[in-house]
Each structure stands twice: as C-alpha cells, then as structure tokens.
mmCIF file of all heavy atoms, coordinates in Angstrom:
data_MODEL
# 
_entry.id   MODEL 
# 
loop_
_atom_site.group_PDB 
_atom_site.id 
_atom_site.type_symbol 
_atom_site.label_atom_id 
_atom_site.label_alt_id 
_atom_site.label_comp_id 
_atom_site.label_asym_id 
_atom_site.label_entity_id 
_atom_site.label_seq_id 
_atom_site.pdbx_PDB_ins_code 
_atom_site.Cartn_x 
_atom_site.Cartn_y 
_atom_site.Cartn_z 
_atom_site.occupancy 
_atom_site.B_iso_or_equiv 
_atom_site.pdbx_formal_charge 
_atom_site.auth_seq_id 
_atom_site.auth_comp_id 
_atom_site.auth_asym_id 
_atom_site.auth_atom_id 
_atom_site.pdbx_PDB_model_num 
ATOM 1   N N   . ASP A 1 1  ? -20.846 -8.238 -12.763 1.00 0.00 ? 1  ASP A N   1 
ATOM 2   C CA  . ASP A 1 1  ? -21.787 -9.017 -11.908 1.00 0.00 ? 1  ASP A CA  1 
ATOM 3   C C   . ASP A 1 1  ? -23.181 -9.216 -12.487 1.00 0.00 ? 1  ASP A C   1 
ATOM 4   O O   . ASP A 1 1  ? -24.033 -9.766 -11.849 1.00 0.00 ? 1  ASP A O   1 
ATOM 5   C CB  . ASP A 1 1  ? -21.874 -8.283 -10.529 1.00 0.00 ? 1  ASP A CB  1 
ATOM 6   C CG  . ASP A 1 1  ? -22.527 -6.872 -10.719 1.00 0.00 ? 1  ASP A CG  1 
ATOM 7   O OD1 . ASP A 1 1  ? -22.958 -6.485 -11.768 1.00 0.00 ? 1  ASP A OD1 1 
ATOM 8   O OD2 . ASP A 1 1  ? -22.478 -6.121 -9.669  1.00 0.00 ? 1  ASP A OD2 1 
ATOM 9   N N   . GLY A 1 2  ? -23.365 -8.779 -13.752 1.00 0.00 ? 2  GLY A N   1 
ATOM 10  C CA  . GLY A 1 2  ? -24.626 -9.064 -14.404 1.00 0.00 ? 2  GLY A CA  1 
ATOM 11  C C   . GLY A 1 2  ? -25.602 -7.979 -14.404 1.00 0.00 ? 2  GLY A C   1 
ATOM 12  O O   . GLY A 1 2  ? -26.601 -8.001 -15.134 1.00 0.00 ? 2  GLY A O   1 
ATOM 13  N N   . ARG A 1 3  ? -25.341 -6.901 -13.600 1.00 0.00 ? 3  ARG A N   1 
ATOM 14  C CA  . ARG A 1 3  ? -26.352 -5.793 -13.597 1.00 0.00 ? 3  ARG A CA  1 
ATOM 15  C C   . ARG A 1 3  ? -26.379 -4.959 -14.844 1.00 0.00 ? 3  ARG A C   1 
ATOM 16  O O   . ARG A 1 3  ? -25.307 -4.666 -15.403 1.00 0.00 ? 3  ARG A O   1 
ATOM 17  C CB  . ARG A 1 3  ? -26.007 -4.852 -12.410 1.00 0.00 ? 3  ARG A CB  1 
ATOM 18  C CG  . ARG A 1 3  ? -26.280 -5.416 -11.048 1.00 0.00 ? 3  ARG A CG  1 
ATOM 19  C CD  . ARG A 1 3  ? -25.965 -4.415 -9.990  1.00 0.00 ? 3  ARG A CD  1 
ATOM 20  N NE  . ARG A 1 3  ? -24.500 -4.179 -9.923  1.00 0.00 ? 3  ARG A NE  1 
ATOM 21  C CZ  . ARG A 1 3  ? -23.988 -3.221 -9.193  1.00 0.00 ? 3  ARG A CZ  1 
ATOM 22  N NH1 . ARG A 1 3  ? -24.698 -2.358 -8.467  1.00 0.00 ? 3  ARG A NH1 1 
ATOM 23  N NH2 . ARG A 1 3  ? -22.634 -3.074 -9.210  1.00 0.00 ? 3  ARG A NH2 1 
ATOM 24  N N   . GLU A 1 4  ? -27.554 -4.738 -15.344 1.00 0.00 ? 4  GLU A N   1 
ATOM 25  C CA  . GLU A 1 4  ? -27.754 -3.787 -16.433 1.00 0.00 ? 4  GLU A CA  1 
ATOM 26  C C   . GLU A 1 4  ? -27.610 -2.336 -15.955 1.00 0.00 ? 4  GLU A C   1 
ATOM 27  O O   . GLU A 1 4  ? -28.149 -2.028 -14.927 1.00 0.00 ? 4  GLU A O   1 
ATOM 28  C CB  . GLU A 1 4  ? -29.050 -3.995 -17.163 1.00 0.00 ? 4  GLU A CB  1 
ATOM 29  C CG  . GLU A 1 4  ? -29.196 -5.276 -18.006 1.00 0.00 ? 4  GLU A CG  1 
ATOM 30  C CD  . GLU A 1 4  ? -30.425 -5.291 -18.820 1.00 0.00 ? 4  GLU A CD  1 
ATOM 31  O OE1 . GLU A 1 4  ? -31.449 -4.848 -18.323 1.00 0.00 ? 4  GLU A OE1 1 
ATOM 32  O OE2 . GLU A 1 4  ? -30.399 -5.775 -19.956 1.00 0.00 ? 4  GLU A OE2 1 
ATOM 33  N N   . VAL A 1 5  ? -26.865 -1.534 -16.708 1.00 0.00 ? 5  VAL A N   1 
ATOM 34  C CA  . VAL A 1 5  ? -26.665 -0.181 -16.288 1.00 0.00 ? 5  VAL A CA  1 
ATOM 35  C C   . VAL A 1 5  ? -26.780 0.746  -17.471 1.00 0.00 ? 5  VAL A C   1 
ATOM 36  O O   . VAL A 1 5  ? -26.825 0.350  -18.643 1.00 0.00 ? 5  VAL A O   1 
ATOM 37  C CB  . VAL A 1 5  ? -25.178 0.022  -15.707 1.00 0.00 ? 5  VAL A CB  1 
ATOM 38  C CG1 . VAL A 1 5  ? -25.057 -0.741 -14.420 1.00 0.00 ? 5  VAL A CG1 1 
ATOM 39  C CG2 . VAL A 1 5  ? -24.104 -0.448 -16.701 1.00 0.00 ? 5  VAL A CG2 1 
ATOM 40  N N   . ALA A 1 6  ? -26.947 2.048  -17.117 1.00 0.00 ? 6  ALA A N   1 
ATOM 41  C CA  . ALA A 1 6  ? -26.969 3.100  -18.163 1.00 0.00 ? 6  ALA A CA  1 
ATOM 42  C C   . ALA A 1 6  ? -25.684 3.903  -17.963 1.00 0.00 ? 6  ALA A C   1 
ATOM 43  O O   . ALA A 1 6  ? -25.423 4.408  -16.845 1.00 0.00 ? 6  ALA A O   1 
ATOM 44  C CB  . ALA A 1 6  ? -28.225 4.004  -17.941 1.00 0.00 ? 6  ALA A CB  1 
ATOM 45  N N   . VAL A 1 7  ? -24.870 3.986  -18.974 1.00 0.00 ? 7  VAL A N   1 
ATOM 46  C CA  . VAL A 1 7  ? -23.585 4.628  -18.946 1.00 0.00 ? 7  VAL A CA  1 
ATOM 47  C C   . VAL A 1 7  ? -23.695 5.952  -19.641 1.00 0.00 ? 7  VAL A C   1 
ATOM 48  O O   . VAL A 1 7  ? -23.922 6.071  -20.838 1.00 0.00 ? 7  VAL A O   1 
ATOM 49  C CB  . VAL A 1 7  ? -22.471 3.739  -19.561 1.00 0.00 ? 7  VAL A CB  1 
ATOM 50  C CG1 . VAL A 1 7  ? -21.161 4.480  -19.571 1.00 0.00 ? 7  VAL A CG1 1 
ATOM 51  C CG2 . VAL A 1 7  ? -22.401 2.423  -18.878 1.00 0.00 ? 7  VAL A CG2 1 
ATOM 52  N N   . LYS A 1 8  ? -23.493 7.034  -18.895 1.00 0.00 ? 8  LYS A N   1 
ATOM 53  C CA  . LYS A 1 8  ? -23.640 8.363  -19.379 1.00 0.00 ? 8  LYS A CA  1 
ATOM 54  C C   . LYS A 1 8  ? -22.246 8.975  -19.632 1.00 0.00 ? 8  LYS A C   1 
ATOM 55  O O   . LYS A 1 8  ? -21.431 9.179  -18.726 1.00 0.00 ? 8  LYS A O   1 
ATOM 56  C CB  . LYS A 1 8  ? -24.381 9.242  -18.356 1.00 0.00 ? 8  LYS A CB  1 
ATOM 57  C CG  . LYS A 1 8  ? -24.728 10.684 -18.808 1.00 0.00 ? 8  LYS A CG  1 
ATOM 58  C CD  . LYS A 1 8  ? -25.512 11.344 -17.692 1.00 0.00 ? 8  LYS A CD  1 
ATOM 59  C CE  . LYS A 1 8  ? -26.044 12.666 -18.157 1.00 0.00 ? 8  LYS A CE  1 
ATOM 60  N NZ  . LYS A 1 8  ? -26.834 13.227 -17.086 1.00 0.00 ? 8  LYS A NZ  1 
ATOM 61  N N   . ARG A 1 9  ? -21.915 9.037  -20.937 1.00 0.00 ? 9  ARG A N   1 
ATOM 62  C CA  . ARG A 1 9  ? -20.602 9.537  -21.390 1.00 0.00 ? 9  ARG A CA  1 
ATOM 63  C C   . ARG A 1 9  ? -20.698 11.074 -21.654 1.00 0.00 ? 9  ARG A C   1 
ATOM 64  O O   . ARG A 1 9  ? -21.179 11.431 -22.695 1.00 0.00 ? 9  ARG A O   1 
ATOM 65  C CB  . ARG A 1 9  ? -20.183 8.763  -22.592 1.00 0.00 ? 9  ARG A CB  1 
ATOM 66  C CG  . ARG A 1 9  ? -18.744 8.985  -22.971 1.00 0.00 ? 9  ARG A CG  1 
ATOM 67  C CD  . ARG A 1 9  ? -18.426 8.263  -24.285 1.00 0.00 ? 9  ARG A CD  1 
ATOM 68  N NE  . ARG A 1 9  ? -17.009 8.146  -24.649 1.00 0.00 ? 9  ARG A NE  1 
ATOM 69  C CZ  . ARG A 1 9  ? -16.561 7.700  -25.780 1.00 0.00 ? 9  ARG A CZ  1 
ATOM 70  N NH1 . ARG A 1 9  ? -17.388 7.260  -26.676 1.00 0.00 ? 9  ARG A NH1 1 
ATOM 71  N NH2 . ARG A 1 9  ? -15.213 7.618  -25.963 1.00 0.00 ? 9  ARG A NH2 1 
ATOM 72  N N   . LEU A 1 10 ? -20.208 11.865 -20.750 1.00 0.00 ? 10 LEU A N   1 
ATOM 73  C CA  . LEU A 1 10 ? -20.388 13.325 -20.889 1.00 0.00 ? 10 LEU A CA  1 
ATOM 74  C C   . LEU A 1 10 ? -19.592 13.809 -22.092 1.00 0.00 ? 10 LEU A C   1 
ATOM 75  O O   . LEU A 1 10 ? -18.482 13.342 -22.322 1.00 0.00 ? 10 LEU A O   1 
ATOM 76  C CB  . LEU A 1 10 ? -20.010 13.980 -19.627 1.00 0.00 ? 10 LEU A CB  1 
ATOM 77  C CG  . LEU A 1 10 ? -20.759 13.636 -18.319 1.00 0.00 ? 10 LEU A CG  1 
ATOM 78  C CD1 . LEU A 1 10 ? -20.327 14.551 -17.209 1.00 0.00 ? 10 LEU A CD1 1 
ATOM 79  C CD2 . LEU A 1 10 ? -22.222 13.798 -18.544 1.00 0.00 ? 10 LEU A CD2 1 
ATOM 80  N N   . SER A 1 11 ? -20.158 14.745 -22.765 1.00 0.00 ? 11 SER A N   1 
ATOM 81  C CA  . SER A 1 11 ? -19.493 15.371 -23.926 1.00 0.00 ? 11 SER A CA  1 
ATOM 82  C C   . SER A 1 11 ? -18.150 15.913 -23.577 1.00 0.00 ? 11 SER A C   1 
ATOM 83  O O   . SER A 1 11 ? -17.938 16.537 -22.552 1.00 0.00 ? 11 SER A O   1 
ATOM 84  C CB  . SER A 1 11 ? -20.398 16.425 -24.524 1.00 0.00 ? 11 SER A CB  1 
ATOM 85  O OG  . SER A 1 11 ? -19.682 17.166 -25.512 1.00 0.00 ? 11 SER A OG  1 
ATOM 86  N N   . ARG A 1 12 ? -17.168 15.741 -24.452 1.00 0.00 ? 12 ARG A N   1 
ATOM 87  C CA  . ARG A 1 12 ? -15.859 16.341 -24.263 1.00 0.00 ? 12 ARG A CA  1 
ATOM 88  C C   . ARG A 1 12 ? -15.872 17.863 -24.449 1.00 0.00 ? 12 ARG A C   1 
ATOM 89  O O   . ARG A 1 12 ? -14.925 18.505 -24.055 1.00 0.00 ? 12 ARG A O   1 
ATOM 90  C CB  . ARG A 1 12 ? -14.863 15.705 -25.278 1.00 0.00 ? 12 ARG A CB  1 
ATOM 91  C CG  . ARG A 1 12 ? -14.695 14.201 -25.014 1.00 0.00 ? 12 ARG A CG  1 
ATOM 92  C CD  . ARG A 1 12 ? -13.769 13.578 -26.032 1.00 0.00 ? 12 ARG A CD  1 
ATOM 93  N NE  . ARG A 1 12 ? -13.673 12.103 -25.794 1.00 0.00 ? 12 ARG A NE  1 
ATOM 94  C CZ  . ARG A 1 12 ? -12.955 11.296 -26.536 1.00 0.00 ? 12 ARG A CZ  1 
ATOM 95  N NH1 . ARG A 1 12 ? -12.234 11.767 -27.550 1.00 0.00 ? 12 ARG A NH1 1 
ATOM 96  N NH2 . ARG A 1 12 ? -12.891 10.030 -26.295 1.00 0.00 ? 12 ARG A NH2 1 
ATOM 97  N N   . HIS A 1 13 ? -17.026 18.352 -24.950 1.00 0.00 ? 13 HIS A N   1 
ATOM 98  C CA  . HIS A 1 13 ? -17.127 19.807 -25.111 1.00 0.00 ? 13 HIS A CA  1 
ATOM 99  C C   . HIS A 1 13 ? -17.835 20.412 -23.889 1.00 0.00 ? 13 HIS A C   1 
ATOM 100 O O   . HIS A 1 13 ? -18.066 21.573 -23.828 1.00 0.00 ? 13 HIS A O   1 
ATOM 101 C CB  . HIS A 1 13 ? -17.904 20.136 -26.406 1.00 0.00 ? 13 HIS A CB  1 
ATOM 102 C CG  . HIS A 1 13 ? -17.270 19.605 -27.588 1.00 0.00 ? 13 HIS A CG  1 
ATOM 103 N ND1 . HIS A 1 13 ? -16.092 20.054 -28.096 1.00 0.00 ? 13 HIS A ND1 1 
ATOM 104 C CD2 . HIS A 1 13 ? -17.653 18.625 -28.499 1.00 0.00 ? 13 HIS A CD2 1 
ATOM 105 C CE1 . HIS A 1 13 ? -15.751 19.404 -29.184 1.00 0.00 ? 13 HIS A CE1 1 
ATOM 106 N NE2 . HIS A 1 13 ? -16.688 18.557 -29.460 1.00 0.00 ? 13 HIS A NE2 1 
ATOM 107 N N   . SER A 1 14 ? -18.220 19.543 -22.920 1.00 0.00 ? 14 SER A N   1 
ATOM 108 C CA  . SER A 1 14 ? -18.841 20.056 -21.710 1.00 0.00 ? 14 SER A CA  1 
ATOM 109 C C   . SER A 1 14 ? -17.937 21.045 -20.948 1.00 0.00 ? 14 SER A C   1 
ATOM 110 O O   . SER A 1 14 ? -16.723 20.861 -20.912 1.00 0.00 ? 14 SER A O   1 
ATOM 111 C CB  . SER A 1 14 ? -19.153 18.881 -20.816 1.00 0.00 ? 14 SER A CB  1 
ATOM 112 O OG  . SER A 1 14 ? -19.624 19.336 -19.547 1.00 0.00 ? 14 SER A OG  1 
ATOM 113 N N   . LYS A 1 15 ? -18.536 22.078 -20.378 1.00 0.00 ? 15 LYS A N   1 
ATOM 114 C CA  . LYS A 1 15 ? -17.818 23.067 -19.649 1.00 0.00 ? 15 LYS A CA  1 
ATOM 115 C C   . LYS A 1 15 ? -17.507 22.616 -18.225 1.00 0.00 ? 15 LYS A C   1 
ATOM 116 O O   . LYS A 1 15 ? -16.878 23.309 -17.444 1.00 0.00 ? 15 LYS A O   1 
ATOM 117 C CB  . LYS A 1 15 ? -18.636 24.381 -19.588 1.00 0.00 ? 15 LYS A CB  1 
ATOM 118 C CG  . LYS A 1 15 ? -18.745 25.000 -20.985 1.00 0.00 ? 15 LYS A CG  1 
ATOM 119 C CD  . LYS A 1 15 ? -19.492 26.360 -20.860 1.00 0.00 ? 15 LYS A CD  1 
ATOM 120 C CE  . LYS A 1 15 ? -19.653 27.043 -22.289 1.00 0.00 ? 15 LYS A CE  1 
ATOM 121 N NZ  . LYS A 1 15 ? -20.373 28.237 -22.216 1.00 0.00 ? 15 LYS A NZ  1 
ATOM 122 N N   . GLN A 1 16 ? -18.054 21.444 -17.888 1.00 0.00 ? 16 GLN A N   1 
ATOM 123 C CA  . GLN A 1 16 ? -17.786 20.911 -16.518 1.00 0.00 ? 16 GLN A CA  1 
ATOM 124 C C   . GLN A 1 16 ? -16.384 20.389 -16.346 1.00 0.00 ? 16 GLN A C   1 
ATOM 125 O O   . GLN A 1 16 ? -15.945 19.556 -17.129 1.00 0.00 ? 16 GLN A O   1 
ATOM 126 C CB  . GLN A 1 16 ? -18.806 19.827 -16.242 1.00 0.00 ? 16 GLN A CB  1 
ATOM 127 C CG  . GLN A 1 16 ? -18.784 19.344 -14.759 1.00 0.00 ? 16 GLN A CG  1 
ATOM 128 C CD  . GLN A 1 16 ? -19.820 18.226 -14.546 1.00 0.00 ? 16 GLN A CD  1 
ATOM 129 O OE1 . GLN A 1 16 ? -19.815 17.228 -15.264 1.00 0.00 ? 16 GLN A OE1 1 
ATOM 130 N NE2 . GLN A 1 16 ? -20.639 18.375 -13.533 1.00 0.00 ? 16 GLN A NE2 1 
ATOM 131 N N   . GLY A 1 17 ? -15.673 20.922 -15.382 1.00 0.00 ? 17 GLY A N   1 
ATOM 132 C CA  . GLY A 1 17 ? -14.326 20.468 -15.078 1.00 0.00 ? 17 GLY A CA  1 
ATOM 133 C C   . GLY A 1 17 ? -14.302 19.249 -14.181 1.00 0.00 ? 17 GLY A C   1 
ATOM 134 O O   . GLY A 1 17 ? -15.380 18.767 -13.710 1.00 0.00 ? 17 GLY A O   1 
ATOM 135 N N   . SER A 1 18 ? -13.124 18.709 -13.923 1.00 0.00 ? 18 SER A N   1 
ATOM 136 C CA  . SER A 1 18 ? -13.030 17.479 -13.081 1.00 0.00 ? 18 SER A CA  1 
ATOM 137 C C   . SER A 1 18 ? -13.498 17.780 -11.694 1.00 0.00 ? 18 SER A C   1 
ATOM 138 O O   . SER A 1 18 ? -14.121 16.915 -11.050 1.00 0.00 ? 18 SER A O   1 
ATOM 139 C CB  . SER A 1 18 ? -11.617 17.007 -13.055 1.00 0.00 ? 18 SER A CB  1 
ATOM 140 O OG  . SER A 1 18 ? -10.715 17.983 -12.596 1.00 0.00 ? 18 SER A OG  1 
ATOM 141 N N   . GLU A 1 19 ? -13.231 18.986 -11.119 1.00 0.00 ? 19 GLU A N   1 
ATOM 142 C CA  . GLU A 1 19 ? -13.691 19.240 -9.745  1.00 0.00 ? 19 GLU A CA  1 
ATOM 143 C C   . GLU A 1 19 ? -15.241 19.322 -9.652  1.00 0.00 ? 19 GLU A C   1 
ATOM 144 O O   . GLU A 1 19 ? -15.842 18.745 -8.759  1.00 0.00 ? 19 GLU A O   1 
ATOM 145 C CB  . GLU A 1 19 ? -13.115 20.604 -9.305  1.00 0.00 ? 19 GLU A CB  1 
ATOM 146 C CG  . GLU A 1 19 ? -13.511 20.970 -7.833  1.00 0.00 ? 19 GLU A CG  1 
ATOM 147 C CD  . GLU A 1 19 ? -12.875 22.278 -7.334  1.00 0.00 ? 19 GLU A CD  1 
ATOM 148 O OE1 . GLU A 1 19 ? -12.046 22.824 -8.109  1.00 0.00 ? 19 GLU A OE1 1 
ATOM 149 O OE2 . GLU A 1 19 ? -13.263 22.698 -6.270  1.00 0.00 ? 19 GLU A OE2 1 
ATOM 150 N N   . GLU A 1 20 ? -15.856 19.955 -10.681 1.00 0.00 ? 20 GLU A N   1 
ATOM 151 C CA  . GLU A 1 20 ? -17.327 20.011 -10.743 1.00 0.00 ? 20 GLU A CA  1 
ATOM 152 C C   . GLU A 1 20 ? -17.914 18.597 -10.901 1.00 0.00 ? 20 GLU A C   1 
ATOM 153 O O   . GLU A 1 20 ? -18.909 18.262 -10.340 1.00 0.00 ? 20 GLU A O   1 
ATOM 154 C CB  . GLU A 1 20 ? -17.789 20.924 -11.918 1.00 0.00 ? 20 GLU A CB  1 
ATOM 155 C CG  . GLU A 1 20 ? -17.482 22.379 -11.657 1.00 0.00 ? 20 GLU A CG  1 
ATOM 156 C CD  . GLU A 1 20 ? -17.836 23.172 -12.944 1.00 0.00 ? 20 GLU A CD  1 
ATOM 157 O OE1 . GLU A 1 20 ? -17.193 22.921 -13.943 1.00 0.00 ? 20 GLU A OE1 1 
ATOM 158 O OE2 . GLU A 1 20 ? -18.659 24.072 -12.812 1.00 0.00 ? 20 GLU A OE2 1 
ATOM 159 N N   . PHE A 1 21 ? -17.245 17.854 -11.724 1.00 0.00 ? 21 PHE A N   1 
ATOM 160 C CA  . PHE A 1 21 ? -17.678 16.420 -12.006 1.00 0.00 ? 21 PHE A CA  1 
ATOM 161 C C   . PHE A 1 21 ? -17.704 15.658 -10.665 1.00 0.00 ? 21 PHE A C   1 
ATOM 162 O O   . PHE A 1 21 ? -18.657 14.991 -10.362 1.00 0.00 ? 21 PHE A O   1 
ATOM 163 C CB  . PHE A 1 21 ? -16.820 15.774 -13.025 1.00 0.00 ? 21 PHE A CB  1 
ATOM 164 C CG  . PHE A 1 21 ? -17.145 14.285 -13.225 1.00 0.00 ? 21 PHE A CG  1 
ATOM 165 C CD1 . PHE A 1 21 ? -18.219 13.939 -14.051 1.00 0.00 ? 21 PHE A CD1 1 
ATOM 166 C CD2 . PHE A 1 21 ? -16.348 13.349 -12.673 1.00 0.00 ? 21 PHE A CD2 1 
ATOM 167 C CE1 . PHE A 1 21 ? -18.484 12.561 -14.237 1.00 0.00 ? 21 PHE A CE1 1 
ATOM 168 C CE2 . PHE A 1 21 ? -16.597 11.998 -12.802 1.00 0.00 ? 21 PHE A CE2 1 
ATOM 169 C CZ  . PHE A 1 21 ? -17.650 11.610 -13.648 1.00 0.00 ? 21 PHE A CZ  1 
ATOM 170 N N   . MET A 1 22 ? -16.629 15.717 -9.942  1.00 0.00 ? 22 MET A N   1 
ATOM 171 C CA  . MET A 1 22 ? -16.527 14.986 -8.666  1.00 0.00 ? 22 MET A CA  1 
ATOM 172 C C   . MET A 1 22 ? -17.493 15.513 -7.653  1.00 0.00 ? 22 MET A C   1 
ATOM 173 O O   . MET A 1 22 ? -18.005 14.742 -6.776  1.00 0.00 ? 22 MET A O   1 
ATOM 174 C CB  . MET A 1 22 ? -15.069 15.100 -8.123  1.00 0.00 ? 22 MET A CB  1 
ATOM 175 C CG  . MET A 1 22 ? -14.086 14.219 -8.936  1.00 0.00 ? 22 MET A CG  1 
ATOM 176 S SD  . MET A 1 22 ? -14.591 12.514 -9.211  1.00 0.00 ? 22 MET A SD  1 
ATOM 177 C CE  . MET A 1 22 ? -14.820 11.970 -7.471  1.00 0.00 ? 22 MET A CE  1 
ATOM 178 N N   . ASN A 1 23 ? -17.817 16.769 -7.632  1.00 0.00 ? 23 ASN A N   1 
ATOM 179 C CA  . ASN A 1 23 ? -18.869 17.300 -6.748  1.00 0.00 ? 23 ASN A CA  1 
ATOM 180 C C   . ASN A 1 23 ? -20.160 16.723 -7.141  1.00 0.00 ? 23 ASN A C   1 
ATOM 181 O O   . ASN A 1 23 ? -20.970 16.396 -6.166  1.00 0.00 ? 23 ASN A O   1 
ATOM 182 C CB  . ASN A 1 23 ? -18.922 18.889 -6.890  1.00 0.00 ? 23 ASN A CB  1 
ATOM 183 C CG  . ASN A 1 23 ? -17.724 19.522 -6.191  1.00 0.00 ? 23 ASN A CG  1 
ATOM 184 O OD1 . ASN A 1 23 ? -17.089 18.983 -5.354  1.00 0.00 ? 23 ASN A OD1 1 
ATOM 185 N ND2 . ASN A 1 23 ? -17.463 20.803 -6.592  1.00 0.00 ? 23 ASN A ND2 1 
ATOM 186 N N   . GLU A 1 24 ? -20.462 16.603 -8.411  1.00 0.00 ? 24 GLU A N   1 
ATOM 187 C CA  . GLU A 1 24 ? -21.748 15.978 -8.843  1.00 0.00 ? 24 GLU A CA  1 
ATOM 188 C C   . GLU A 1 24 ? -21.804 14.568 -8.405  1.00 0.00 ? 24 GLU A C   1 
ATOM 189 O O   . GLU A 1 24 ? -22.802 14.132 -7.857  1.00 0.00 ? 24 GLU A O   1 
ATOM 190 C CB  . GLU A 1 24 ? -21.852 16.066 -10.366 1.00 0.00 ? 24 GLU A CB  1 
ATOM 191 C CG  . GLU A 1 24 ? -23.139 15.462 -10.866 1.00 0.00 ? 24 GLU A CG  1 
ATOM 192 C CD  . GLU A 1 24 ? -23.303 15.536 -12.374 1.00 0.00 ? 24 GLU A CD  1 
ATOM 193 O OE1 . GLU A 1 24 ? -22.440 16.255 -13.019 1.00 0.00 ? 24 GLU A OE1 1 
ATOM 194 O OE2 . GLU A 1 24 ? -24.175 14.930 -12.934 1.00 0.00 ? 24 GLU A OE2 1 
ATOM 195 N N   . VAL A 1 25 ? -20.688 13.874 -8.560  1.00 0.00 ? 25 VAL A N   1 
ATOM 196 C CA  . VAL A 1 25 ? -20.655 12.386 -8.137  1.00 0.00 ? 25 VAL A CA  1 
ATOM 197 C C   . VAL A 1 25 ? -20.907 12.330 -6.604  1.00 0.00 ? 25 VAL A C   1 
ATOM 198 O O   . VAL A 1 25 ? -21.708 11.496 -6.161  1.00 0.00 ? 25 VAL A O   1 
ATOM 199 C CB  . VAL A 1 25 ? -19.304 11.778 -8.508  1.00 0.00 ? 25 VAL A CB  1 
ATOM 200 C CG1 . VAL A 1 25 ? -19.118 10.432 -7.818  1.00 0.00 ? 25 VAL A CG1 1 
ATOM 201 C CG2 . VAL A 1 25 ? -19.133 11.635 -9.968  1.00 0.00 ? 25 VAL A CG2 1 
ATOM 202 N N   . ALA A 1 26 ? -20.196 13.156 -5.843  1.00 0.00 ? 26 ALA A N   1 
ATOM 203 C CA  . ALA A 1 26 ? -20.365 13.138 -4.388  1.00 0.00 ? 26 ALA A CA  1 
ATOM 204 C C   . ALA A 1 26 ? -21.808 13.413 -3.973  1.00 0.00 ? 26 ALA A C   1 
ATOM 205 O O   . ALA A 1 26 ? -22.320 12.813 -3.033  1.00 0.00 ? 26 ALA A O   1 
ATOM 206 C CB  . ALA A 1 26 ? -19.387 14.075 -3.716  1.00 0.00 ? 26 ALA A CB  1 
ATOM 207 N N   . LEU A 1 27 ? -22.433 14.360 -4.671  1.00 0.00 ? 27 LEU A N   1 
ATOM 208 C CA  . LEU A 1 27 ? -23.809 14.711 -4.416  1.00 0.00 ? 27 LEU A CA  1 
ATOM 209 C C   . LEU A 1 27 ? -24.771 13.550 -4.677  1.00 0.00 ? 27 LEU A C   1 
ATOM 210 O O   . LEU A 1 27 ? -25.562 13.128 -3.819  1.00 0.00 ? 27 LEU A O   1 
ATOM 211 C CB  . LEU A 1 27 ? -24.207 15.933 -5.254  1.00 0.00 ? 27 LEU A CB  1 
ATOM 212 C CG  . LEU A 1 27 ? -25.741 16.209 -5.293  1.00 0.00 ? 27 LEU A CG  1 
ATOM 213 C CD1 . LEU A 1 27 ? -26.266 16.502 -3.969  1.00 0.00 ? 27 LEU A CD1 1 
ATOM 214 C CD2 . LEU A 1 27 ? -26.003 17.373 -6.303  1.00 0.00 ? 27 LEU A CD2 1 
# 
C-alpha cells in the first residue's frame, strides 16, 4: 500500500520462543 516500514528480523539465536513472541505481539 506504499507505507514505509521498519522490519525487525529477530535473531535465530534469540531465546524467545513462539509463545513469548506472540505475547509480545499481543502486548
């Protein structure tokens, strides 16, 4: 749609699991 965005690609070595990631997103 033309919007400029910042894409944060979390490190694959991050200790954050998928559940923690989704909690962060929901927050």
